Amino acid sequence: MSVPNSSASVLVLVHQLAAQKRVFLLWPEGRRADHVDLRMRQRGATARDVQHALENAMTCEPGDLEEGECPRWRVTGLDLDADPLTAVIELDGTSFVVVITLY
């Protein structure tokens, strides 16, 4: 399966991967990203909130792309308290969702 490049196809893949619990809140070295931790604390969000928002995401838009970066996407869904949660993500091929930041 090739990596999707349209908002609609990315949203479908994010739903599938999140339902399979294939969401990373990690940097590639395997340590949790300090920035994601900080943003989760600021929003009062847990890993389960992020998982739920991605599983049930309603919108997906292309994110800002800096030279040399993987494509990023802004995905918005509701957390467990039904509050909107937007995650900026990258796709690791078609295997995992990697969360970069939250707002």
N, C-alpha and C. Protein backbone atom coordinates (compact mmCIF):
# COMPACT_ATOMS: atom_id res chain seq x y z
N MET A 1 0.84 -1.18 0.00
CA MET A 1 0.00 0.00 0.00
C MET A 1 0.89 1.24 0.00
N SER A 2 0.58 2.19 -0.85
CA SER A 2 1.37 3.42 -0.91
C SER A 2 0.84 4.43 0.11
N VAL A 3 1.72 5.35 0.48
CA VAL A 3 1.34 6.39 1.43
C VAL A 3 0.34 7.33 0.75
N PRO A 4 -0.79 7.59 1.38
CA PRO A 4 -1.78 8.47 0.76
C PRO A 4 -1.29 9.91 0.70
N ASN A 5 -1.84 10.65 -0.26
CA ASN A 5 -1.42 12.05 -0.39
C ASN A 5 -2.60 13.00 -0.51
N SER A 6 -3.80 12.52 -0.25
CA SER A 6 -4.96 13.42 -0.23
C SER A 6 -5.54 13.42 1.18
N SER A 7 -6.20 14.51 1.53
CA SER A 7 -6.78 14.62 2.88
C SER A 7 -7.74 13.47 3.18
N ALA A 8 -8.58 13.13 2.22
CA ALA A 8 -9.57 12.07 2.44
C ALA A 8 -8.89 10.73 2.67
N SER A 9 -7.87 10.41 1.88
CA SER A 9 -7.22 9.11 2.05
C SER A 9 -6.37 9.07 3.31
N VAL A 10 -5.77 10.19 3.70
CA VAL A 10 -5.03 10.24 4.96
C VAL A 10 -5.99 10.02 6.13
N LEU A 11 -7.16 10.65 6.08
CA LEU A 11 -8.13 10.51 7.16
C LEU A 11 -8.56 9.05 7.32
N VAL A 12 -8.79 8.37 6.22
CA VAL A 12 -9.16 6.94 6.28
C VAL A 12 -8.04 6.14 6.92
N LEU A 13 -6.80 6.38 6.52
CA LEU A 13 -5.66 5.64 7.08
C LEU A 13 -5.48 5.95 8.56
N VAL A 14 -5.63 7.21 8.95
CA VAL A 14 -5.51 7.59 10.37
C VAL A 14 -6.56 6.85 11.19
N HIS A 15 -7.80 6.80 10.71
CA HIS A 15 -8.85 6.04 11.41
C HIS A 15 -8.43 4.59 11.60
N GLN A 16 -7.93 3.98 10.54
CA GLN A 16 -7.55 2.57 10.60
C GLN A 16 -6.39 2.34 11.58
N LEU A 17 -5.35 3.15 11.46
CA LEU A 17 -4.17 2.97 12.31
C LEU A 17 -4.49 3.27 13.77
N ALA A 18 -5.28 4.30 14.03
CA ALA A 18 -5.64 4.62 15.41
C ALA A 18 -6.48 3.50 16.01
N ALA A 19 -7.40 2.93 15.25
CA ALA A 19 -8.23 1.82 15.75
C ALA A 19 -7.37 0.61 16.08
N GLN A 20 -6.23 0.47 15.40
CA GLN A 20 -5.30 -0.64 15.66
C GLN A 20 -4.26 -0.27 16.72
N LYS A 21 -4.44 0.89 17.35
CA LYS A 21 -3.52 1.38 18.39
C LYS A 21 -2.10 1.56 17.86
N ARG A 22 -2.00 2.03 16.64
CA ARG A 22 -0.70 2.23 16.02
C ARG A 22 -0.39 3.72 15.95
N VAL A 23 -0.41 4.36 17.12
CA VAL A 23 -0.16 5.79 17.26
C VAL A 23 1.06 5.96 18.16
N PHE A 24 2.04 6.73 17.70
CA PHE A 24 3.24 7.00 18.49
C PHE A 24 3.21 8.44 18.98
N LEU A 25 3.49 8.60 20.25
CA LEU A 25 3.73 9.92 20.83
C LEU A 25 5.22 10.00 21.12
N LEU A 26 6.01 9.53 20.18
CA LEU A 26 7.44 9.36 20.37
C LEU A 26 8.22 9.98 19.23
N TRP A 27 9.43 10.35 19.51
CA TRP A 27 10.38 10.67 18.45
C TRP A 27 10.99 9.36 17.99
N PRO A 28 11.63 9.33 16.82
CA PRO A 28 12.18 8.08 16.30
C PRO A 28 13.18 7.38 17.23
N GLU A 29 13.86 8.12 18.07
CA GLU A 29 14.83 7.49 18.98
C GLU A 29 14.14 6.67 20.06
N GLY A 30 12.82 6.73 20.13
CA GLY A 30 12.09 5.93 21.09
C GLY A 30 11.76 6.66 22.39
N ARG A 31 12.14 7.91 22.52
CA ARG A 31 11.79 8.63 23.74
C ARG A 31 10.61 9.56 23.45
N ARG A 32 9.78 9.73 24.45
CA ARG A 32 8.61 10.58 24.27
C ARG A 32 9.06 12.01 23.97
N ALA A 33 8.40 12.61 23.02
CA ALA A 33 8.75 13.98 22.64
C ALA A 33 8.34 14.94 23.75
N ASP A 34 9.30 15.70 24.26
CA ASP A 34 9.01 16.67 25.32
C ASP A 34 7.91 17.64 24.89
N HIS A 35 7.94 18.04 23.63
CA HIS A 35 6.94 19.00 23.15
C HIS A 35 5.53 18.40 23.21
N VAL A 36 5.38 17.16 22.79
CA VAL A 36 4.06 16.52 22.83
C VAL A 36 3.60 16.37 24.28
N ASP A 37 4.51 15.98 25.18
CA ASP A 37 4.17 15.89 26.61
C ASP A 37 3.67 17.22 27.14
N LEU A 38 4.39 18.28 26.83
CA LEU A 38 4.02 19.61 27.29
C LEU A 38 2.64 19.99 26.77
N ARG A 39 2.40 19.79 25.49
CA ARG A 39 1.10 20.16 24.90
C ARG A 39 -0.02 19.31 25.48
N MET A 40 0.22 18.05 25.78
CA MET A 40 -0.80 17.21 26.40
C MET A 40 -1.15 17.75 27.79
N ARG A 41 -0.13 18.10 28.56
CA ARG A 41 -0.37 18.64 29.91
C ARG A 41 -1.13 19.97 29.82
N GLN A 42 -0.74 20.84 28.89
CA GLN A 42 -1.41 22.14 28.75
C GLN A 42 -2.88 21.97 28.40
N ARG A 43 -3.21 20.96 27.62
CA ARG A 43 -4.59 20.73 27.20
C ARG A 43 -5.34 19.80 28.14
N GLY A 44 -4.65 19.24 29.11
CA GLY A 44 -5.29 18.27 30.00
C GLY A 44 -5.65 16.99 29.25
N ALA A 45 -4.88 16.67 28.23
CA ALA A 45 -5.16 15.50 27.39
C ALA A 45 -4.28 14.33 27.80
N THR A 46 -4.83 13.15 27.65
CA THR A 46 -4.09 11.91 27.90
C THR A 46 -3.83 11.21 26.57
N ALA A 47 -3.03 10.17 26.61
CA ALA A 47 -2.79 9.38 25.41
C ALA A 47 -4.10 8.79 24.90
N ARG A 48 -4.99 8.42 25.80
CA ARG A 48 -6.30 7.89 25.38
C ARG A 48 -7.13 8.96 24.69
N ASP A 49 -7.04 10.22 25.14
CA ASP A 49 -7.73 11.32 24.46
C ASP A 49 -7.24 11.46 23.02
N VAL A 50 -5.92 11.41 22.85
CA VAL A 50 -5.34 11.54 21.52
C VAL A 50 -5.79 10.38 20.64
N GLN A 51 -5.72 9.18 21.19
CA GLN A 51 -6.15 7.98 20.46
C GLN A 51 -7.61 8.12 20.01
N HIS A 52 -8.47 8.53 20.93
CA HIS A 52 -9.90 8.67 20.62
C HIS A 52 -10.13 9.72 19.54
N ALA A 53 -9.44 10.86 19.67
CA ALA A 53 -9.61 11.93 18.68
C ALA A 53 -9.18 11.46 17.29
N LEU A 54 -8.10 10.69 17.20
CA LEU A 54 -7.64 10.21 15.91
C LEU A 54 -8.56 9.12 15.35
N GLU A 55 -9.04 8.25 16.22
CA GLU A 55 -9.96 7.19 15.77
C GLU A 55 -11.23 7.77 15.19
N ASN A 56 -11.66 8.91 15.73
CA ASN A 56 -12.94 9.50 15.34
C ASN A 56 -12.77 10.85 14.66
N ALA A 57 -11.59 11.08 14.10
CA ALA A 57 -11.29 12.38 13.48
C ALA A 57 -12.31 12.72 12.39
N MET A 58 -12.64 14.01 12.34
CA MET A 58 -13.64 14.50 11.39
C MET A 58 -13.01 15.26 10.23
N THR A 59 -11.87 15.87 10.47
CA THR A 59 -11.23 16.66 9.42
C THR A 59 -9.74 16.34 9.34
N CYS A 60 -9.21 16.56 8.15
CA CYS A 60 -7.78 16.37 7.90
C CYS A 60 -7.38 17.37 6.83
N GLU A 61 -6.36 18.15 7.13
CA GLU A 61 -5.86 19.16 6.19
C GLU A 61 -4.35 19.04 6.10
N PRO A 62 -3.79 19.37 4.94
CA PRO A 62 -2.32 19.36 4.85
C PRO A 62 -1.73 20.38 5.82
N GLY A 63 -0.64 19.99 6.46
CA GLY A 63 0.05 20.90 7.36
C GLY A 63 1.14 21.64 6.63
N ASP A 64 1.81 22.53 7.34
CA ASP A 64 2.93 23.26 6.76
C ASP A 64 4.08 22.29 6.51
N LEU A 65 4.73 22.44 5.41
CA LEU A 65 5.83 21.56 5.05
C LEU A 65 7.10 22.37 4.89
N GLU A 66 8.10 22.02 5.69
CA GLU A 66 9.41 22.64 5.55
C GLU A 66 10.27 21.73 4.70
N GLU A 67 11.22 22.30 4.02
CA GLU A 67 12.06 21.54 3.12
C GLU A 67 12.70 20.35 3.83
N GLY A 68 12.60 19.19 3.21
CA GLY A 68 13.22 17.99 3.76
C GLY A 68 12.38 17.24 4.77
N GLU A 69 11.21 17.75 5.13
CA GLU A 69 10.36 17.07 6.10
C GLU A 69 9.41 16.11 5.42
N CYS A 70 8.93 15.15 6.19
CA CYS A 70 7.83 14.31 5.74
C CYS A 70 6.58 15.18 5.70
N PRO A 71 5.63 14.84 4.84
CA PRO A 71 4.37 15.60 4.84
C PRO A 71 3.70 15.52 6.21
N ARG A 72 3.16 16.64 6.64
CA ARG A 72 2.44 16.70 7.91
C ARG A 72 0.98 17.02 7.64
N TRP A 73 0.14 16.56 8.54
CA TRP A 73 -1.31 16.73 8.40
C TRP A 73 -1.89 17.20 9.72
N ARG A 74 -2.89 18.09 9.65
CA ARG A 74 -3.64 18.54 10.82
C ARG A 74 -4.93 17.74 10.86
N VAL A 75 -5.06 16.92 11.89
CA VAL A 75 -6.21 16.03 12.03
C VAL A 75 -6.97 16.43 13.28
N THR A 76 -8.28 16.67 13.15
CA THR A 76 -9.09 17.13 14.28
C THR A 76 -10.22 16.14 14.55
N GLY A 77 -10.35 15.82 15.84
CA GLY A 77 -11.44 14.97 16.32
C GLY A 77 -11.79 15.38 17.73
N LEU A 78 -12.70 14.66 18.35
CA LEU A 78 -13.11 14.95 19.73
C LEU A 78 -12.39 14.01 20.69
N ASP A 79 -11.93 14.58 21.81
CA ASP A 79 -11.31 13.74 22.84
C ASP A 79 -12.39 13.04 23.65
N LEU A 80 -12.01 12.35 24.71
CA LEU A 80 -12.98 11.58 25.49
C LEU A 80 -14.01 12.44 26.20
N ASP A 81 -13.72 13.73 26.37
CA ASP A 81 -14.67 14.66 26.99
C ASP A 81 -15.47 15.43 25.94
N ALA A 82 -15.35 15.01 24.69
CA ALA A 82 -16.03 15.64 23.55
C ALA A 82 -15.53 17.06 23.27
N ASP A 83 -14.29 17.34 23.66
CA ASP A 83 -13.65 18.61 23.33
C ASP A 83 -12.83 18.42 22.06
N PRO A 84 -12.82 19.42 21.17
CA PRO A 84 -12.03 19.28 19.95
C PRO A 84 -10.53 19.21 20.27
N LEU A 85 -9.85 18.33 19.57
CA LEU A 85 -8.41 18.16 19.73
C LEU A 85 -7.81 18.02 18.34
N THR A 86 -6.85 18.89 18.04
CA THR A 86 -6.16 18.83 16.75
C THR A 86 -4.75 18.32 16.97
N ALA A 87 -4.38 17.32 16.20
CA ALA A 87 -3.03 16.76 16.24
C ALA A 87 -2.35 17.03 14.91
N VAL A 88 -1.12 17.48 14.97
CA VAL A 88 -0.30 17.55 13.78
C VAL A 88 0.47 16.24 13.73
N ILE A 89 0.31 15.52 12.63
CA ILE A 89 0.87 14.18 12.53
C ILE A 89 1.74 14.02 11.30
N GLU A 90 2.56 13.00 11.34
CA GLU A 90 3.25 12.47 10.18
C GLU A 90 2.87 11.00 10.09
N LEU A 91 2.89 10.45 8.91
CA LEU A 91 2.66 9.03 8.73
C LEU A 91 4.01 8.35 8.52
N ASP A 92 4.22 7.25 9.24
CA ASP A 92 5.41 6.43 9.05
C ASP A 92 5.01 5.36 8.04
N GLY A 93 5.11 5.72 6.78
CA GLY A 93 4.59 4.84 5.73
C GLY A 93 3.11 4.65 5.94
N THR A 94 2.67 3.41 5.91
CA THR A 94 1.26 3.11 6.19
C THR A 94 1.17 2.27 7.46
N SER A 95 2.21 2.37 8.31
CA SER A 95 2.28 1.52 9.50
C SER A 95 1.90 2.21 10.80
N PHE A 96 2.25 3.49 10.95
CA PHE A 96 2.04 4.19 12.21
C PHE A 96 1.70 5.65 11.98
N VAL A 97 0.97 6.23 12.93
CA VAL A 97 0.74 7.67 13.01
C VAL A 97 1.73 8.20 14.06
N VAL A 98 2.48 9.22 13.71
CA VAL A 98 3.41 9.84 14.66
C VAL A 98 2.89 11.23 14.96
N VAL A 99 2.55 11.48 16.23
CA VAL A 99 2.02 12.78 16.66
C VAL A 99 3.18 13.73 16.90
N ILE A 100 3.13 14.89 16.25
CA ILE A 100 4.19 15.89 16.37
C ILE A 100 3.84 16.94 17.42
N THR A 101 2.59 17.41 17.41
CA THR A 101 2.15 18.40 18.39
C THR A 101 0.62 18.35 18.48
N LEU A 102 0.08 19.02 19.47
CA LEU A 102 -1.36 19.08 19.69
C LEU A 102 -1.77 20.53 19.93
N TYR A 103 -3.00 20.84 19.56
CA TYR A 103 -3.60 22.12 19.96
C TYR A 103 -5.09 22.00 19.91
